[in-house]
Amino acid sequence: MSELEHFLAQWRQPSPTITVTTSGSTGTPKTIHVYKERMRASARATCQTLHLHEGQRALLCLSTRYIAGMMMVVRALECGMQLVEAPVSQHPLSTDVGEIHFAAMVPAQVWASLNVERERERLSHIGCLIIGGGSIDEALERELSSFPNAIYSTYGMTETLSHVALRRVSGSDASPWYRPLPGVTISAGADNCLVIDAPHVCEGRLHTHDIVCFHPDGIRFQILGRSDNVICSGGVKIQTEEAERLLRPHISLPFMITKRPHPQWGEEVVLLVEQTAGLSKQIDDVTLLETCAGLLPLHWSPRAVVRVSRLPLTATGKPDRATAQKLAKD
């Protein structure tokens, strides 16, 4: 039985709930039970916002073991779209899938498709593409900004049954601000972290660990990083994602910013670098540390470089922050 067949068998069961596993990007993955009716409500909100309708063709290239793939199936069912399956790989467009009106991908799939001319062409012809499961960095956003189709970055999590907000990254309507979907209210808690009120998809108010910044209109928002990804070194608070954003255009090796305990400063910043054939020998640790010191704010620079065979990622392709910290410590 394929993943899709297994999900559909679960979906057709009389039980009002279905079992979903979280991605585990900041800790151990957990299993939760969600109401099918709430998944349908989420699907209808997306279809309404993106003007999806019956008869269109939707591409499924994400695993239905996780909420992103599940919701693509539910959207197709709710909206009456034809579901087209593609390999769950970094190159879902390696084969001709025909005309696609709607698709969802993770950033790694989009990057891989951009680097193959035939796949890049197919990507540009997808009517509406949503990208989730990880942040879109500046380089990827620049690549997509001139694409003729409608491309969106999504904000959400397993607990919100996929995304609850979208922002356009292509065309004249591109924006750095996320806009909540219908029925979703966003606010900030006392810790400046995002609070989501979306009764149609999750019970009660959901307090996230995402540090939020609001547009003057009080509705649109940006995410600055996660509060649990803050490194406190010698009393200085360092946002992991912001440090990575500043370094990414200047470091050619795959890397992550992480931390480990320090007896004097409490925590110290560590640059976790993936050993890459042909490149790792060209950039030594001293050069990497000097590069970081010249680009980052005072006291943000890594104190050490730790090289690994592969950067830790979750099953859904997100940075595995918990494992990264263990690697840096060990």
C-alpha atoms as a PDB file:
ATOM      1  CA  MET A   1       0.000   0.000   0.000  1.00  0.00           C
ATOM      2  CA  SER A   2       1.421   3.385  -0.992  1.00  0.00           C
ATOM      3  CA  GLU A   3       1.608   6.360   1.402  1.00  0.00           C
ATOM      4  CA  LEU A   4      -1.303   8.009  -0.384  1.00  0.00           C
ATOM      5  CA  GLU A   5      -3.442   4.860  -0.234  1.00  0.00           C
ATOM      6  CA  HIS A   6      -2.643   4.487   3.453  1.00  0.00           C
ATOM      7  CA  PHE A   7      -3.701   8.078   4.165  1.00  0.00           C
ATOM      8  CA  LEU A   8      -6.907   7.751   2.150  1.00  0.00           C
ATOM      9  CA  ALA A   9      -7.768   4.558   4.033  1.00  0.00           C
ATOM     10  CA  GLN A  10      -7.368   6.454   7.316  1.00  0.00           C
ATOM     11  CA  TRP A  11      -9.329   9.405   5.961  1.00  0.00           C
ATOM     12  CA  ARG A  12     -12.284   7.195   4.998  1.00  0.00           C
ATOM     13  CA  GLN A  13     -12.510   5.613   8.435  1.00  0.00           C
ATOM     14  CA  PRO A  14     -15.548   6.717  10.483  1.00  0.00           C
ATOM     15  CA  SER A  15     -13.318   8.136  13.234  1.00  0.00           C
ATOM     16  CA  PRO A  16     -13.623  11.960  13.450  1.00  0.00           C
ATOM     17  CA  THR A  17      -9.866  12.307  13.999  1.00  0.00           C
ATOM     18  CA  ILE A  18      -6.671  11.318  12.251  1.00  0.00           C
ATOM     19  CA  THR A  19      -3.149  10.796  13.599  1.00  0.00           C
ATOM     20  CA  VAL A  20      -0.449  13.277  12.565  1.00  0.00           C
ATOM     21  CA  THR A  21       3.258  13.387  13.465  1.00  0.00           C
ATOM     22  CA  THR A  22       4.995  16.739  14.007  1.00  0.00           C
ATOM     23  CA  SER A  23       8.240  17.503  12.174  1.00  0.00           C
ATOM     24  CA  GLY A  24      10.479  17.626  15.262  1.00  0.00           C
ATOM     25  CA  SER A  25      12.539  20.597  14.063  1.00  0.00           C
ATOM     26  CA  THR A  26      13.194  21.831  17.623  1.00  0.00           C
ATOM     27  CA  GLY A  27      12.804  18.624  19.597  1.00  0.00           C
ATOM     28  CA  THR A  28      11.444  15.097  19.539  1.00  0.00           C
ATOM     29  CA  PRO A  29       8.626  14.535  17.005  1.00  0.00           C
ATOM     30  CA  LYS A  30       5.279  13.919  18.667  1.00  0.00           C
ATOM     31  CA  THR A  31       2.013  12.365  17.606  1.00  0.00           C
ATOM     32  CA  ILE A  32      -1.202  14.370  17.808  1.00  0.00           C
ATOM     33  CA  HIS A  33      -4.805  13.637  16.893  1.00  0.00           C
ATOM     34  CA  VAL A  34      -6.582  16.235  14.776  1.00  0.00           C
ATOM     35  CA  TYR A  35     -10.190  16.550  13.693  1.00  0.00           C
ATOM     36  CA  LYS A  36     -10.892  15.824  10.049  1.00  0.00           C
ATOM     37  CA  GLU A  37     -13.488  18.596   9.952  1.00  0.00           C
ATOM     38  CA  ARG A  38     -10.823  21.096  10.979  1.00  0.00           C
ATOM     39  CA  MET A  39      -8.595  19.833   8.172  1.00  0.00           C
ATOM     40  CA  ARG A  40     -11.490  20.389   5.775  1.00  0.00           C
ATOM     41  CA  ALA A  41     -11.979  23.914   7.144  1.00  0.00           C
ATOM     42  CA  SER A  42      -8.296  24.687   6.635  1.00  0.00           C
ATOM     43  CA  ALA A  43      -8.460  23.349   3.089  1.00  0.00           C
ATOM     44  CA  ARG A  44     -11.493  25.504   2.275  1.00  0.00           C
ATOM     45  CA  ALA A  45      -9.727  28.636   3.591  1.00  0.00           C
ATOM     46  CA  THR A  46      -6.736  27.985   1.323  1.00  0.00           C
ATOM     47  CA  CYS A  47      -8.889  27.246  -1.710  1.00  0.00           C
ATOM     48  CA  GLN A  48     -10.873  30.430  -1.104  1.00  0.00           C
ATOM     49  CA  THR A  49      -7.780  32.627  -0.667  1.00  0.00           C
ATOM     50  CA  LEU A  50      -5.954  31.253  -3.713  1.00  0.00           C
ATOM     51  CA  HIS A  51      -9.081  31.032  -5.904  1.00  0.00           C
ATOM     52  CA  LEU A  52      -8.681  27.303  -6.504  1.00  0.00           C
ATOM     53  CA  HIS A  53     -11.646  25.519  -8.036  1.00  0.00           C
ATOM     54  CA  GLU A  54     -13.065  22.265  -9.314  1.00  0.00           C
ATOM     55  CA  GLY A  55     -11.412  20.716 -12.351  1.00  0.00           C
ATOM     56  CA  GLN A  56      -7.944  22.122 -11.718  1.00  0.00           C
ATOM     57  CA  ARG A  57      -4.934  19.822 -11.328  1.00  0.00           C
ATOM     58  CA  ALA A  58      -3.018  19.746  -8.007  1.00  0.00           C
ATOM     59  CA  LEU A  59       0.467  18.246  -7.676  1.00  0.00           C
ATOM     60  CA  LEU A  60       1.223  15.979  -4.716  1.00  0.00           C
ATOM     61  CA  CYS A  61       5.006  15.743  -4.213  1.00  0.00           C
ATOM     62  CA  LEU A  62       5.125  15.781  -0.385  1.00  0.00           C
ATOM     63  CA  SER A  63       4.871  12.802   1.928  1.00  0.00           C
ATOM     64  CA  THR A  64       1.385  12.110   3.257  1.00  0.00           C
ATOM     65  CA  ARG A  65       2.973  10.930   6.507  1.00  0.00           C
ATOM     66  CA  TYR A  66       3.107  14.621   7.466  1.00  0.00           C
ATOM     67  CA  ILE A  67       0.540  17.404   7.551  1.00  0.00           C
ATOM     68  CA  ALA A  68       1.763  19.239   4.424  1.00  0.00           C
ATOM     69  CA  GLY A  69       1.187  16.224   2.194  1.00  0.00           C
ATOM     70  CA  MET A  70      -2.053  15.304   3.942  1.00  0.00           C
ATOM     71  CA  MET A  71      -3.450  18.778   3.411  1.00  0.00           C
ATOM     72  CA  MET A  72      -2.690  18.705  -0.320  1.00  0.00           C
ATOM     73  CA  VAL A  73      -4.908  15.631  -0.567  1.00  0.00           C
ATOM     74  CA  VAL A  74      -7.658  17.207   1.552  1.00  0.00           C
ATOM     75  CA  ARG A  75      -7.575  20.409  -0.535  1.00  0.00           C
ATOM     76  CA  ALA A  76      -7.989  18.378  -3.712  1.00  0.00           C
ATOM     77  CA  LEU A  77     -10.914  16.481  -2.182  1.00  0.00           C
ATOM     78  CA  GLU A  78     -12.624  19.595  -0.804  1.00  0.00           C
ATOM     79  CA  CYS A  79     -12.095  21.672  -3.934  1.00  0.00           C
ATOM     80  CA  GLY A  80     -12.754  18.967  -6.502  1.00  0.00           C
ATOM     81  CA  MET A  81      -9.270  19.183  -7.994  1.00  0.00           C
ATOM     82  CA  GLN A  82      -7.573  16.310  -9.792  1.00  0.00           C
ATOM     83  CA  LEU A  83      -4.615  15.037  -7.746  1.00  0.00           C
ATOM     84  CA  VAL A  84      -1.440  14.305  -9.712  1.00  0.00           C
ATOM     85  CA  GLU A  85       1.268  12.292  -7.916  1.00  0.00           C
ATOM     86  CA  ALA A  86       4.982  12.947  -8.370  1.00  0.00           C
ATOM     87  CA  PRO A  87       8.011  11.408  -6.624  1.00  0.00           C
ATOM     88  CA  VAL A  88       8.646  12.590  -3.077  1.00  0.00           C
ATOM     89  CA  SER A  89      12.185  13.730  -3.865  1.00  0.00           C
ATOM     90  CA  GLN A  90      14.212  16.883  -4.433  1.00  0.00           C
ATOM     91  CA  HIS A  91      13.267  16.693  -8.122  1.00  0.00           C
ATOM     92  CA  PRO A  92       9.483  16.206  -8.300  1.00  0.00           C
ATOM     93  CA  LEU A  93       9.430  17.901 -11.717  1.00  0.00           C
ATOM     94  CA  SER A  94      11.996  15.543 -13.266  1.00  0.00           C
ATOM     95  CA  THR A  95       9.136  13.898 -15.181  1.00  0.00           C
ATOM     96  CA  ASP A  96       6.474  15.665 -17.208  1.00  0.00           C
ATOM     97  CA  VAL A  97       3.394  15.965 -14.977  1.00  0.00           C
ATOM     98  CA  GLY A  98       1.405  18.021 -17.467  1.00  0.00           C
ATOM     99  CA  GLU A  99      -0.422  21.231 -16.655  1.00  0.00           C
ATOM    100  CA  ILE A 100      -0.439  21.949 -12.916  1.00  0.00           C
ATOM    101  CA  HIS A 101      -2.624  24.661 -11.432  1.00  0.00           C
ATOM    102  CA  PHE A 102      -1.603  24.245  -7.778  1.00  0.00           C
ATOM    103  CA  ALA A 103       1.379  22.712  -5.955  1.00  0.00           C
ATOM    104  CA  ALA A 104       3.123  22.765  -2.591  1.00  0.00           C
ATOM    105  CA  MET A 105       6.864  22.223  -2.141  1.00  0.00           C
ATOM    106  CA  VAL A 106       9.592  22.639   0.456  1.00  0.00           C
ATOM    107  CA  PRO A 107      12.482  25.067  -0.265  1.00  0.00           C
ATOM    108  CA  ALA A 108      14.927  22.232  -1.058  1.00  0.00           C
ATOM    109  CA  GLN A 109      12.650  20.972  -3.837  1.00  0.00           C
ATOM    110  CA  VAL A 110      12.330  24.457  -5.314  1.00  0.00           C
ATOM    111  CA  TRP A 111      16.104  25.041  -5.226  1.00  0.00           C
ATOM    112  CA  ALA A 112      16.780  21.683  -6.900  1.00  0.00           C
ATOM    113  CA  SER A 113      14.197  22.378  -9.601  1.00  0.00           C
ATOM    114  CA  LEU A 114      15.688  25.806 -10.326  1.00  0.00           C
ATOM    115  CA  ASN A 115      19.069  24.231 -11.058  1.00  0.00           C
ATOM    116  CA  VAL A 116      17.786  22.013 -13.882  1.00  0.00           C
ATOM    117  CA  GLU A 117      16.623  23.994 -16.915  1.00  0.00           C
ATOM    118  CA  ARG A 118      13.783  21.653 -17.864  1.00  0.00           C
ATOM    119  CA  GLU A 119      12.509  21.539 -14.277  1.00  0.00           C
ATOM    120  CA  ARG A 120      12.887  25.300 -13.892  1.00  0.00           C
ATOM    121  CA  GLU A 121      10.656  25.770 -16.932  1.00  0.00           C
ATOM    122  CA  ARG A 122       8.023  23.437 -15.508  1.00  0.00           C
ATOM    123  CA  LEU A 123       8.190  25.255 -12.161  1.00  0.00           C
ATOM    124  CA  SER A 124       7.476  28.580 -13.873  1.00  0.00           C
ATOM    125  CA  HIS A 125       4.312  27.134 -15.428  1.00  0.00           C
ATOM    126  CA  ILE A 126       2.693  25.988 -12.180  1.00  0.00           C
ATOM    127  CA  GLY A 127      -0.270  28.325 -11.779  1.00  0.00           C
ATOM    128  CA  CYS A 128       0.027  28.754  -8.010  1.00  0.00           C
ATOM    129  CA  LEU A 129       2.900  27.438  -5.880  1.00  0.00           C
ATOM    130  CA  ILE A 130       3.080  27.539  -2.094  1.00  0.00           C
ATOM    131  CA  ILE A 131       6.399  26.927  -0.326  1.00  0.00           C
ATOM    132  CA  GLY A 132       6.525  25.778   3.289  1.00  0.00           C
ATOM    133  CA  GLY A 133       8.299  23.529   5.731  1.00  0.00           C
ATOM    134  CA  GLY A 134      11.187  25.981   6.135  1.00  0.00           C
ATOM    135  CA  SER A 135      12.139  29.584   5.581  1.00  0.00           C
ATOM    136  CA  ILE A 136      12.850  30.966   2.105  1.00  0.00           C
ATOM    137  CA  ASP A 137      16.249  32.627   2.164  1.00  0.00           C
ATOM    138  CA  GLU A 138      17.042  35.849   0.306  1.00  0.00           C
ATOM    139  CA  ALA A 139      18.822  34.123  -2.575  1.00  0.00           C
ATOM    140  CA  LEU A 140      15.868  31.840  -3.302  1.00  0.00           C
ATOM    141  CA  GLU A 141      13.442  34.723  -3.033  1.00  0.00           C
ATOM    142  CA  ARG A 142      15.480  36.739  -5.549  1.00  0.00           C
ATOM    143  CA  GLU A 143      15.403  33.790  -7.957  1.00  0.00           C
ATOM    144  CA  LEU A 144      11.623  33.536  -7.699  1.00  0.00           C
ATOM    145  CA  SER A 145      10.790  37.244  -7.678  1.00  0.00           C
ATOM    146  CA  SER A 146      10.617  37.539 -11.480  1.00  0.00           C
ATOM    147  CA  PHE A 147       8.674  34.323 -12.086  1.00  0.00           C
ATOM    148  CA  PRO A 148       5.403  34.850 -13.973  1.00  0.00           C
ATOM    149  CA  ASN A 149       3.316  32.578 -11.765  1.00  0.00           C
ATOM    150  CA  ALA A 150       1.876  33.187  -8.287  1.00  0.00           C
ATOM    151  CA  ILE A 151       4.347  31.947  -5.657  1.00  0.00           C
ATOM    152  CA  TYR A 152       3.752  32.223  -1.917  1.00  0.00           C
ATOM    153  CA  SER A 153       5.686  31.557   1.258  1.00  0.00           C
ATOM    154  CA  THR A 154       3.544  29.974   3.952  1.00  0.00           C
ATOM    155  CA  TYR A 155       3.515  30.330   7.722  1.00  0.00           C
ATOM    156  CA  GLY A 156       2.121  27.569   9.897  1.00  0.00           C
ATOM    157  CA  MET A 157       2.825  24.327  11.693  1.00  0.00           C
ATOM    158  CA  THR A 158       1.374  20.885  12.248  1.00  0.00           C
ATOM    159  CA  GLU A 159      -0.809  22.154  15.095  1.00  0.00           C
ATOM    160  CA  THR A 160      -2.463  24.699  12.758  1.00  0.00           C
ATOM    161  CA  LEU A 161      -3.039  22.014  10.104  1.00  0.00           C
ATOM    162  CA  SER A 162      -0.533  23.523   7.690  1.00  0.00           C
ATOM    163  CA  HIS A 163      -0.444  27.267   7.006  1.00  0.00           C
ATOM    164  CA  VAL A 164      -2.497  30.057   8.563  1.00  0.00           C
ATOM    165  CA  ALA A 165      -0.821  32.929   6.678  1.00  0.00           C
ATOM    166  CA  LEU A 166       0.677  33.604   3.246  1.00  0.00           C
ATOM    167  CA  ARG A 167       2.958  36.161   1.644  1.00  0.00           C
ATOM    168  CA  ARG A 168       3.576  36.632  -2.060  1.00  0.00           C
ATOM    169  CA  VAL A 169       7.203  36.267  -3.201  1.00  0.00           C
ATOM    170  CA  SER A 170       6.780  36.714  -6.965  1.00  0.00           C
ATOM    171  CA  GLY A 171       5.551  39.539  -9.174  1.00  0.00           C
ATOM    172  CA  SER A 172       4.452  43.074  -8.394  1.00  0.00           C
ATOM    173  CA  ASP A 173       2.421  41.928  -5.372  1.00  0.00           C
ATOM    174  CA  ALA A 174       5.482  40.481  -3.608  1.00  0.00           C
ATOM    175  CA  SER A 175       5.727  41.494   0.048  1.00  0.00           C
ATOM    176  CA  PRO A 176       7.921  40.783   3.084  1.00  0.00           C
ATOM    177  CA  TRP A 177       4.766  40.606   5.236  1.00  0.00           C
ATOM    178  CA  TYR A 178       2.572  37.586   5.937  1.00  0.00           C
ATOM    179  CA  ARG A 179      -1.187  38.081   5.813  1.00  0.00           C
ATOM    180  CA  PRO A 180      -3.429  35.776   7.902  1.00  0.00           C
ATOM    181  CA  LEU A 181      -6.000  33.620   6.135  1.00  0.00           C
ATOM    182  CA  PRO A 182      -9.733  34.245   6.685  1.00  0.00           C
ATOM    183  CA  GLY A 183     -10.803  33.373  10.216  1.00  0.00           C
ATOM    184  CA  VAL A 184      -7.280  33.713  11.650  1.00  0.00           C
ATOM    185  CA  THR A 185      -6.375  36.401  14.203  1.00  0.00           C
ATOM    186  CA  ILE A 186      -2.758  37.083  15.123  1.00  0.00           C
ATOM    187  CA  SER A 187      -1.417  38.816  18.239  1.00  0.00           C
ATOM    188  CA  ALA A 188       1.746  38.952  20.356  1.00  0.00           C
ATOM    189  CA  GLY A 189       2.187  37.479  23.817  1.00  0.00           C
ATOM    190  CA  ALA A 190       4.091  39.023  26.713  1.00  0.00           C
ATOM    191  CA  ASP A 191       7.264  37.386  25.387  1.00  0.00           C
ATOM    192  CA  ASN A 192       6.794  39.026  21.942  1.00  0.00           C
ATOM    193  CA  CYS A 193       6.006  35.631  20.458  1.00  0.00           C
ATOM    194  CA  LEU A 194       3.170  35.051  18.004  1.00  0.00           C
ATOM    195  CA  VAL A 195      -0.217  33.963  19.326  1.00  0.00           C
ATOM    196  CA  ILE A 196      -2.634  32.365  16.859  1.00  0.00           C
ATOM    197  CA  ASP A 197      -6.402  32.385  17.292  1.00  0.00           C
ATOM    198  CA  ALA A 198      -7.914  30.169  14.585  1.00  0.00           C
ATOM    199  CA  PRO A 199     -10.884  28.315  16.082  1.00  0.00           C
ATOM    200  CA  HIS A 200     -11.745  26.621  12.794  1.00  0.00           C
ATOM    201  CA  VAL A 201      -8.418  24.736  12.755  1.00  0.00           C
ATOM    202  CA  CYS A 202      -7.161  24.501  16.357  1.00  0.00           C
ATOM    203  CA  GLU A 203      -8.744  24.603  19.787  1.00  0.00           C
ATOM    204  CA  GLY A 204      -7.913  27.600  21.959  1.00  0.00           C
ATOM    205  CA  ARG A 205      -5.213  30.181  21.370  1.00  0.00           C
ATOM    206  CA  LEU A 206      -1.893  28.752  20.224  1.00  0.00           C
ATOM    207  CA  HIS A 207       1.165  30.381  21.802  1.00  0.00           C
ATOM    208  CA  THR A 208       4.133  29.840  19.488  1.00  0.00           C
ATOM    209  CA  HIS A 209       7.880  30.282  20.037  1.00  0.00           C
ATOM    210  CA  ASP A 210       8.156  32.565  16.995  1.00  0.00           C
ATOM    211  CA  ILE A 211       9.237  36.137  17.713  1.00  0.00           C
ATOM    212  CA  VAL A 212       6.883  38.428  15.793  1.00  0.00           C
ATOM    213  CA  CYS A 213       7.055  41.923  14.326  1.00  0.00           C
ATOM    214  CA  PHE A 214       3.823  43.587  13.188  1.00  0.00           C
ATOM    215  CA  HIS A 215       3.195  45.894  10.254  1.00  0.00           C
ATOM    216  CA  PRO A 216       1.754  49.300  11.249  1.00  0.00           C
ATOM    217  CA  ASP A 217      -1.643  48.043  10.059  1.00  0.00           C
ATOM    218  CA  GLY A 218      -1.608  45.577  12.988  1.00  0.00           C
ATOM    219  CA  ILE A 219      -2.604  42.690  10.725  1.00  0.00           C
ATOM    220  CA  ARG A 220       0.390  41.689   8.616  1.00  0.00           C
ATOM    221  CA  PHE A 221       3.479  40.353  10.326  1.00  0.00           C
ATOM    222  CA  GLN A 222       7.033  39.031  10.007  1.00  0.00           C
ATOM    223  CA  ILE A 223       8.819  36.309  11.945  1.00  0.00           C
ATOM    224  CA  LEU A 224      12.217  37.332  13.312  1.00  0.00           C
ATOM    225  CA  GLY A 225      13.164  33.880  14.604  1.00  0.00           C
ATOM    226  CA  ARG A 226      12.322  31.424  17.344  1.00  0.00           C
ATOM    227  CA  SER A 227      12.701  32.290  21.006  1.00  0.00           C
ATOM    228  CA  ASP A 228      14.140  28.821  21.668  1.00  0.00           C
ATOM    229  CA  ASN A 229      16.806  29.518  19.022  1.00  0.00           C
ATOM    230  CA  VAL A 230      18.148  32.521  20.908  1.00  0.00           C
ATOM    231  CA  ILE A 231      21.737  32.095  22.097  1.00  0.00           C
ATOM    232  CA  CYS A 232      22.584  33.974  25.291  1.00  0.00           C
ATOM    233  CA  SER A 233      26.346  34.456  25.398  1.00  0.00           C
ATOM    234  CA  GLY A 234      27.839  36.718  28.058  1.00  0.00           C
ATOM    235  CA  GLY A 235      24.501  38.489  28.454  1.00  0.00           C
ATOM    236  CA  VAL A 236      24.182  39.170  24.691  1.00  0.00           C
ATOM    237  CA  LYS A 237      21.131  37.657  22.990  1.00  0.00           C
ATOM    238  CA  ILE A 238      21.880  36.306  19.519  1.00  0.00           C
ATOM    239  CA  GLN A 239      19.119  35.238  17.133  1.00  0.00           C
ATOM    240  CA  THR A 240      20.237  32.095  15.295  1.00  0.00           C
ATOM    241  CA  GLU A 241      18.201  32.677  12.145  1.00  0.00           C
ATOM    242  CA  GLU A 242      19.309  36.299  11.795  1.00  0.00           C
ATOM    243  CA  ALA A 243      22.986  35.316  12.095  1.00  0.00           C
ATOM    244  CA  GLU A 244      22.495  32.667   9.401  1.00  0.00           C
ATOM    245  CA  ARG A 245      20.750  35.179   7.157  1.00  0.00           C
ATOM    246  CA  LEU A 246      23.668  37.610   7.407  1.00  0.00           C
ATOM    247  CA  LEU A 247      26.262  34.921   6.693  1.00  0.00           C
ATOM    248  CA  ARG A 248      24.510  32.939   3.960  1.00  0.00           C
ATOM    249  CA  PRO A 249      25.519  35.132   0.965  1.00  0.00           C
ATOM    250  CA  HIS A 250      29.176  34.978   2.004  1.00  0.00           C
ATOM    251  CA  ILE A 251      29.792  31.349   3.029  1.00  0.00           C
ATOM    252  CA  SER A 252      29.697  28.828   0.195  1.00  0.00           C
ATOM    253  CA  LEU A 253      29.705  25.738   2.444  1.00  0.00           C
ATOM    254  CA  PRO A 254      26.453  24.334   3.862  1.00  0.00           C
ATOM    255  CA  PHE A 255      26.325  25.551   7.473  1.00  0.00           C
ATOM    256  CA  MET A 256      24.178  26.153  10.531  1.00  0.00           C
ATOM    257  CA  ILE A 257      24.568  28.398  13.551  1.00  0.00           C
ATOM    258  CA  THR A 258      24.156  26.552  16.827  1.00  0.00           C
ATOM    259  CA  LYS A 259      25.370  26.728  20.436  1.00  0.00           C
ATOM    260  CA  ARG A 260      26.986  24.799  23.254  1.00  0.00           C
ATOM    261  CA  PRO A 261      27.507  25.429  26.977  1.00  0.00           C
ATOM    262  CA  HIS A 262      30.423  27.632  28.071  1.00  0.00           C
ATOM    263  CA  PRO A 263      31.641  27.867  31.686  1.00  0.00           C
ATOM    264  CA  GLN A 264      32.236  31.621  31.522  1.00  0.00           C
ATOM    265  CA  TRP A 265      29.667  32.988  29.061  1.00  0.00           C
ATOM    266  CA  GLY A 266      26.857  30.517  29.668  1.00  0.00           C
ATOM    267  CA  GLU A 267      26.589  29.652  25.973  1.00  0.00           C
ATOM    268  CA  GLU A 268      28.881  30.140  23.005  1.00  0.00           C
ATOM    269  CA  VAL A 269      28.087  30.390  19.305  1.00  0.00           C
ATOM    270  CA  VAL A 270      29.259  27.504  17.118  1.00  0.00           C
ATOM    271  CA  LEU A 271      29.444  27.336  13.327  1.00  0.00           C
ATOM    272  CA  LEU A 272      28.402  23.835  12.216  1.00  0.00           C
ATOM    273  CA  VAL A 273      29.824  23.175   8.743  1.00  0.00           C
ATOM    274  CA  GLU A 274      29.129  20.303   6.376  1.00  0.00           C
ATOM    275  CA  GLN A 275      32.202  18.702   4.842  1.00  0.00           C
ATOM    276  CA  THR A 276      31.788  19.255   1.102  1.00  0.00           C
ATOM    277  CA  ALA A 277      34.131  17.618  -1.387  1.00  0.00           C
ATOM    278  CA  GLY A 278      36.366  20.136  -3.136  1.00  0.00           C
ATOM    279  CA  LEU A 279      35.322  23.061  -0.944  1.00  0.00           C
ATOM    280  CA  SER A 280      35.946  22.182   2.694  1.00  0.00           C
ATOM    281  CA  LYS A 281      39.733  22.074   2.209  1.00  0.00           C
ATOM    282  CA  GLN A 282      39.727  25.516   0.595  1.00  0.00           C
ATOM    283  CA  ILE A 283      38.123  27.278   3.567  1.00  0.00           C
ATOM    284  CA  ASP A 284      39.901  26.611   6.841  1.00  0.00           C
ATOM    285  CA  ASP A 285      38.473  27.231  10.283  1.00  0.00           C
ATOM    286  CA  VAL A 286      40.421  30.451  10.857  1.00  0.00           C
ATOM    287  CA  THR A 287      39.165  31.945   7.580  1.00  0.00           C
ATOM    288  CA  LEU A 288      35.581  30.975   8.415  1.00  0.00           C
ATOM    289  CA  LEU A 289      35.773  32.569  11.857  1.00  0.00           C
ATOM    290  CA  GLU A 290      37.343  35.737  10.449  1.00  0.00           C
ATOM    291  CA  THR A 291      34.612  35.945   7.797  1.00  0.00           C
ATOM    292  CA  CYS A 292      31.925  35.653  10.462  1.00  0.00           C
ATOM    293  CA  ALA A 293      33.586  38.297  12.642  1.00  0.00           C
ATOM    294  CA  GLY A 294      33.592  40.752   9.741  1.00  0.00           C
ATOM    295  CA  LEU A 295      29.904  40.252   8.952  1.00  0.00           C
ATOM    296  CA  LEU A 296      28.109  39.792  12.261  1.00  0.00           C
ATOM    297  CA  PRO A 297      27.313  42.322  15.002  1.00  0.00           C
ATOM    298  CA  LEU A 298      29.712  42.637  17.900  1.00  0.00           C
ATOM    299  CA  HIS A 299      29.743  39.543  20.162  1.00  0.00           C
ATOM    300  CA  TRP A 300      27.654  37.485  17.683  1.00  0.00           C
ATOM    301  CA  SER A 301      30.617  35.727  16.044  1.00  0.00           C
ATOM    302  CA  PRO A 302      31.082  31.948  16.424  1.00  0.00           C
ATOM    303  CA  ARG A 303      33.834  30.927  18.822  1.00  0.00           C
ATOM    304  CA  ALA A 304      34.420  27.555  17.159  1.00  0.00           C
ATOM    305  CA  VAL A 305      33.862  25.606  13.946  1.00  0.00           C
ATOM    306  CA  VAL A 306      32.563  22.040  14.107  1.00  0.00           C
ATOM    307  CA  ARG A 307      32.650  20.025  10.882  1.00  0.00           C
ATOM    308  CA  VAL A 308      30.150  17.237  10.251  1.00  0.00           C
ATOM    309  CA  SER A 309      29.585  14.825   7.374  1.00  0.00           C
ATOM    310  CA  ARG A 310      26.043  16.120   6.913  1.00  0.00           C
ATOM    311  CA  LEU A 311      24.012  18.903   8.485  1.00  0.00           C
ATOM    312  CA  PRO A 312      21.200  17.504  10.645  1.00  0.00           C
ATOM    313  CA  LEU A 313      17.760  17.827   9.077  1.00  0.00           C
ATOM    314  CA  THR A 314      14.353  16.542  10.106  1.00  0.00           C
ATOM    315  CA  ALA A 315      12.339  14.116   7.986  1.00  0.00           C
ATOM    316  CA  THR A 316      10.612  17.113   6.396  1.00  0.00           C
ATOM    317  CA  GLY A 317      13.873  18.861   5.510  1.00  0.00           C
ATOM    318  CA  LYS A 318      13.948  21.489   8.273  1.00  0.00           C
ATOM    319  CA  PRO A 319      17.106  22.242  10.273  1.00  0.00           C
ATOM    320  CA  ASP A 320      17.218  19.865  13.230  1.00  0.00           C
ATOM    321  CA  ARG A 321      18.254  22.397  15.886  1.00  0.00           C
ATOM    322  CA  ALA A 322      18.255  19.931  18.773  1.00  0.00           C
ATOM    323  CA  THR A 323      20.631  17.527  17.024  1.00  0.00           C
ATOM    324  CA  ALA A 324      22.833  20.425  15.917  1.00  0.00           C
ATOM    325  CA  GLN A 325      23.313  21.436  19.552  1.00  0.00           C
ATOM    326  CA  LYS A 326      24.248  17.866  20.490  1.00  0.00           C
ATOM    327  CA  LEU A 327      26.806  17.706  17.676  1.00  0.00           C
ATOM    328  CA  ALA A 328      28.337  21.007  18.768  1.00  0.00           C
ATOM    329  CA  LYS A 329      28.488  19.900  22.410  1.00  0.00           C
ATOM    330  CA  ASP A 330      29.946  16.451  21.668  1.00  0.00           C
END
